[in-house]
N, C-alpha and C. Protein backbone atom coordinates (compact mmCIF):
# COMPACT_ATOMS: atom_id res chain seq x y z
N MET A 1 3.61 35.41 0.37
CA MET A 1 2.67 35.25 -0.51
C MET A 1 3.31 36.87 -0.87
N THR A 2 3.79 36.16 -2.04
CA THR A 2 4.65 37.46 -3.66
C THR A 2 2.84 38.05 -4.12
N ARG A 3 3.56 38.50 -4.53
CA ARG A 3 3.25 39.77 -4.62
C ARG A 3 2.03 39.63 -5.32
N ALA A 4 2.56 39.01 -6.65
CA ALA A 4 1.46 38.27 -7.10
C ALA A 4 0.67 37.52 -6.90
N ARG A 5 1.05 37.34 -6.12
CA ARG A 5 -0.64 35.61 -5.75
C ARG A 5 -1.21 37.21 -4.87
N HIS A 6 -0.70 38.54 -4.10
CA HIS A 6 -1.43 39.35 -3.70
C HIS A 6 -2.56 39.73 -4.58
N LEU A 7 -1.82 39.74 -5.53
CA LEU A 7 -2.79 40.92 -6.67
C LEU A 7 -3.88 39.58 -7.05
N GLU A 8 -3.50 38.48 -7.12
CA GLU A 8 -4.77 37.60 -8.32
C GLU A 8 -5.89 37.55 -7.12
N ASP A 9 -5.02 37.00 -5.40
CA ASP A 9 -6.51 36.97 -4.74
C ASP A 9 -7.01 38.34 -3.79
N SER A 10 -6.89 39.83 -4.42
CA SER A 10 -7.34 40.56 -4.82
C SER A 10 -8.62 40.64 -6.18
N LEU A 11 -7.85 40.58 -7.30
CA LEU A 11 -8.60 40.34 -8.77
C LEU A 11 -9.81 38.86 -8.13
N ASN A 12 -9.38 37.53 -7.72
CA ASN A 12 -10.52 36.92 -7.05
C ASN A 12 -11.69 38.18 -7.18
N ALA A 13 -11.27 38.45 -5.33
CA ALA A 13 -12.40 39.26 -4.22
C ALA A 13 -13.52 40.44 -5.31
N LEU A 14 -12.92 40.75 -6.51
CA LEU A 14 -13.92 41.95 -7.12
C LEU A 14 -13.33 40.84 -7.95
N ARG A 15 -13.58 39.86 -8.87
CA ARG A 15 -14.81 38.97 -9.24
C ARG A 15 -15.35 39.30 -8.54
N SER A 16 -15.37 38.63 -7.77
CA SER A 16 -16.67 37.94 -6.94
C SER A 16 -17.89 39.02 -6.60
N GLU A 17 -17.04 39.57 -6.32
CA GLU A 17 -17.75 41.29 -5.98
C GLU A 17 -18.83 41.52 -6.93
N VAL A 18 -18.17 41.93 -8.24
CA VAL A 18 -18.34 42.22 -9.46
C VAL A 18 -19.75 41.84 -9.67
N SER A 19 -19.32 40.59 -9.92
CA SER A 19 -20.46 39.52 -9.94
C SER A 19 -22.30 39.32 -9.96
N GLY A 20 -21.80 39.39 -8.31
CA GLY A 20 -23.15 39.41 -7.82
C GLY A 20 -23.32 40.87 -7.25
N VAL A 21 -23.18 42.02 -8.20
CA VAL A 21 -24.72 43.33 -7.94
C VAL A 21 -25.27 43.42 -9.41
N ASP A 22 -25.54 43.81 -9.40
CA ASP A 22 -25.98 44.89 -10.42
C ASP A 22 -25.69 46.48 -10.61
N LEU A 23 -24.56 46.53 -11.31
CA LEU A 23 -23.91 47.79 -11.77
C LEU A 23 -24.95 49.36 -12.14
N GLY A 24 -25.86 48.11 -12.80
CA GLY A 24 -26.47 49.72 -13.30
C GLY A 24 -26.97 49.28 -14.52
N ASP A 25 -26.59 49.46 -15.72
CA ASP A 25 -26.30 49.70 -16.86
C ASP A 25 -25.45 48.12 -17.64
N ALA A 26 -25.37 47.92 -19.02
CA ALA A 26 -25.07 46.81 -19.73
C ALA A 26 -23.64 47.93 -19.56
N GLN A 27 -23.40 48.67 -20.69
CA GLN A 27 -22.42 49.36 -20.43
C GLN A 27 -21.36 49.64 -19.41
N ALA A 28 -22.24 49.34 -18.06
CA ALA A 28 -21.23 49.96 -16.74
C ALA A 28 -20.49 48.38 -16.75
N ARG A 29 -21.19 46.67 -16.44
CA ARG A 29 -21.02 45.55 -16.96
C ARG A 29 -19.71 45.54 -17.41
N GLN A 30 -20.05 45.89 -18.75
CA GLN A 30 -19.12 46.22 -20.09
C GLN A 30 -17.69 45.96 -20.01
N ARG A 31 -18.15 47.48 -19.59
CA ARG A 31 -16.34 48.50 -19.27
C ARG A 31 -16.31 47.78 -17.63
N VAL A 32 -16.37 47.32 -16.94
CA VAL A 32 -16.08 46.56 -15.89
C VAL A 32 -14.86 45.67 -16.59
N ASP A 33 -16.34 44.03 -17.29
CA ASP A 33 -15.49 43.23 -17.63
C ASP A 33 -14.12 43.03 -18.26
N SER A 34 -14.25 44.69 -18.81
CA SER A 34 -13.43 44.21 -20.05
C SER A 34 -11.77 44.64 -18.91
N LEU A 35 -12.56 45.52 -18.13
CA LEU A 35 -11.11 46.07 -17.36
C LEU A 35 -10.57 44.83 -16.36
N LEU A 36 -11.22 44.58 -16.05
CA LEU A 36 -10.74 43.22 -15.19
C LEU A 36 -10.87 42.17 -16.22
N LEU A 37 -10.78 41.86 -16.90
CA LEU A 37 -9.78 41.04 -18.41
C LEU A 37 -8.32 41.40 -18.72
N ASP A 38 -8.50 43.59 -19.15
CA ASP A 38 -7.24 43.92 -19.03
C ASP A 38 -6.16 43.99 -18.10
N VAL A 39 -6.21 43.76 -17.16
CA VAL A 39 -5.68 43.75 -15.25
C VAL A 39 -5.18 42.18 -15.93
N GLY A 40 -5.99 41.22 -15.70
CA GLY A 40 -5.45 39.81 -15.88
C GLY A 40 -4.26 39.49 -16.92
N THR A 41 -5.42 40.48 -17.97
CA THR A 41 -4.22 39.91 -19.33
C THR A 41 -2.75 40.29 -18.89
N ARG A 42 -2.46 41.64 -18.46
CA ARG A 42 -1.57 42.49 -18.65
C ARG A 42 -0.89 42.06 -17.45
N VAL A 43 -1.02 41.00 -16.57
CA VAL A 43 -0.75 40.75 -16.10
C VAL A 43 0.47 39.59 -15.75
N GLY A 44 -0.50 38.73 -17.01
CA GLY A 44 -0.12 36.88 -17.29
C GLY A 44 0.92 37.04 -18.76
N ALA A 45 1.13 38.04 -19.01
CA ALA A 45 1.77 39.27 -20.10
C ALA A 45 3.08 39.10 -19.39
N PRO A 46 4.73 38.53 -20.48
CA PRO A 46 5.67 38.27 -20.31
C PRO A 46 6.41 39.92 -19.47
N ASP A 47 5.35 40.74 -20.19
CA ASP A 47 6.17 42.13 -20.16
C ASP A 47 5.21 42.72 -20.03
N GLY A 48 4.75 42.36 -18.28
CA GLY A 48 3.56 42.92 -16.96
C GLY A 48 3.67 42.94 -16.38
N ALA A 49 4.96 44.08 -15.91
CA ALA A 49 5.46 43.97 -15.06
C ALA A 49 6.20 45.91 -15.65
N VAL A 50 5.85 45.50 -16.80
CA VAL A 50 6.06 46.85 -17.30
C VAL A 50 4.24 48.40 -17.04
N ALA A 51 4.63 49.24 -16.70
CA ALA A 51 4.09 50.30 -16.28
C ALA A 51 2.97 50.62 -17.11
N ASP A 52 1.22 51.16 -17.42
CA ASP A 52 0.57 50.62 -18.13
C ASP A 52 -0.65 51.77 -17.43
N ASP A 53 0.55 53.45 -18.38
CA ASP A 53 -0.87 54.52 -18.15
C ASP A 53 -1.90 53.73 -17.94
N ASP A 54 -2.52 53.94 -19.76
CA ASP A 54 -4.08 53.83 -19.56
C ASP A 54 -4.81 52.80 -18.84
N LEU A 55 -4.19 50.91 -18.58
CA LEU A 55 -4.53 50.92 -17.66
C LEU A 55 -5.12 51.37 -15.90
N THR A 56 -3.49 51.47 -15.42
CA THR A 56 -3.74 52.73 -14.34
C THR A 56 -5.37 54.31 -14.58
N ALA A 57 -5.16 54.92 -15.85
CA ALA A 57 -6.44 54.90 -15.50
C ALA A 57 -7.50 55.60 -15.46
N ARG A 58 -8.09 53.98 -16.86
CA ARG A 58 -9.26 53.54 -16.63
C ARG A 58 -9.43 53.05 -15.27
N LEU A 59 -8.81 51.99 -14.29
CA LEU A 59 -8.76 51.81 -12.84
C LEU A 59 -8.61 53.12 -11.80
N ARG A 60 -8.52 54.47 -12.25
CA ARG A 60 -8.62 55.31 -11.64
C ARG A 60 -10.09 55.81 -11.81
N ALA A 61 -10.44 56.45 -12.89
CA ALA A 61 -11.87 56.30 -13.59
C ALA A 61 -13.07 55.81 -12.38
N SER A 62 -12.74 54.11 -12.79
CA SER A 62 -13.43 53.13 -12.45
C SER A 62 -14.06 53.05 -11.44
N VAL A 63 -12.61 53.54 -9.95
CA VAL A 63 -12.60 53.89 -8.82
C VAL A 63 -14.28 55.26 -8.53
N LEU A 64 -13.44 55.54 -8.96
CA LEU A 64 -14.56 57.28 -9.13
C LEU A 64 -15.50 56.65 -9.57
N SER A 65 -15.87 55.95 -9.94
CA SER A 65 -17.14 55.66 -10.66
C SER A 65 -18.07 55.37 -10.01
N PHE A 66 -17.29 54.98 -9.20
CA PHE A 66 -17.49 53.37 -8.37
C PHE A 66 -18.57 54.64 -6.47
N GLU A 67 -17.41 54.59 -5.65
CA GLU A 67 -17.25 55.10 -5.01
C GLU A 67 -18.73 55.47 -4.76
N GLY A 68 -19.24 56.37 -5.19
CA GLY A 68 -21.06 56.75 -4.61
C GLY A 68 -21.80 55.17 -4.66
N SER A 69 -22.07 54.20 -5.56
CA SER A 69 -23.04 53.82 -5.91
C SER A 69 -22.52 51.87 -5.41
N HIS A 70 -21.52 51.33 -5.41
CA HIS A 70 -20.83 50.95 -5.18
C HIS A 70 -19.73 50.93 -4.44
N PRO A 71 -19.24 51.29 -2.92
CA PRO A 71 -18.32 51.34 -2.28
C PRO A 71 -17.36 50.51 -1.93
N LYS A 72 -18.12 49.27 -1.84
CA LYS A 72 -16.74 48.22 -1.84
C LYS A 72 -16.26 47.46 -2.92
N ILE A 73 -17.05 48.66 -4.64
CA ILE A 73 -16.19 48.05 -5.60
C ILE A 73 -15.47 48.76 -5.73
N ALA A 74 -14.79 49.34 -5.92
CA ALA A 74 -14.46 50.59 -5.25
C ALA A 74 -13.68 50.44 -4.63
N VAL A 75 -13.36 49.94 -2.81
CA VAL A 75 -13.17 49.57 -2.87
C VAL A 75 -11.17 48.34 -2.90
N LEU A 76 -12.01 47.40 -3.67
CA LEU A 76 -11.23 46.77 -4.58
C LEU A 76 -11.56 46.63 -5.06
N MET A 77 -11.15 48.10 -6.04
CA MET A 77 -10.91 48.04 -7.16
C MET A 77 -9.72 49.12 -6.51
N ASN A 78 -9.44 50.09 -5.65
CA ASN A 78 -8.19 50.89 -5.04
C ASN A 78 -7.09 49.90 -4.74
N ASP A 79 -7.22 48.43 -4.86
CA ASP A 79 -6.82 47.94 -3.52
C ASP A 79 -5.85 47.09 -4.85
N VAL A 80 -7.14 46.88 -6.17
CA VAL A 80 -5.82 46.01 -7.03
C VAL A 80 -4.88 47.35 -7.67
N LEU A 81 -5.70 48.70 -7.51
CA LEU A 81 -4.82 48.93 -8.88
C LEU A 81 -3.29 49.59 -7.33
N GLU A 82 -3.53 49.40 -6.19
CA GLU A 82 -2.36 49.19 -5.48
C GLU A 82 -0.75 48.33 -5.98
N LYS A 83 -1.73 47.89 -6.04
CA LYS A 83 -1.05 46.18 -5.64
C LYS A 83 -0.04 46.26 -7.16
N LEU A 84 -1.44 46.99 -7.65
CA LEU A 84 -0.84 47.04 -9.48
C LEU A 84 0.75 47.83 -9.45
N SER A 85 0.60 49.00 -8.91
CA SER A 85 1.57 49.93 -8.25
C SER A 85 2.38 49.50 -7.46
N THR A 86 2.51 48.63 -7.65
CA THR A 86 3.81 48.84 -6.32
C THR A 86 4.80 47.21 -7.46
N MET A 87 4.03 46.61 -8.15
CA MET A 87 4.49 45.86 -9.32
C MET A 87 5.37 46.47 -10.31
N GLY A 88 4.55 47.97 -10.06
CA GLY A 88 5.82 48.68 -11.55
C GLY A 88 4.46 48.68 -12.34
N ILE A 89 3.65 48.02 -12.12
CA ILE A 89 2.83 48.51 -13.25
C ILE A 89 1.54 49.38 -13.20
């Protein structure tokens, strides 16, 4: 299985988990949805294998913000972050 396929599997698991929980407020939901959209867009772009410090920083901040309230989401986000890192994104 390719790295891109592993990443897509991780993104799908994260999307599934996020869709099934109450994140607390509409702003949190919007931030997570936007982040997932940006990751998916970045990975699908022709230049997707280019490092994106803003995206990485947003993912890291999200991991930290969900560690206490939604640990499974934090773990899944961290998995996506690690896979992006191995792909050079």
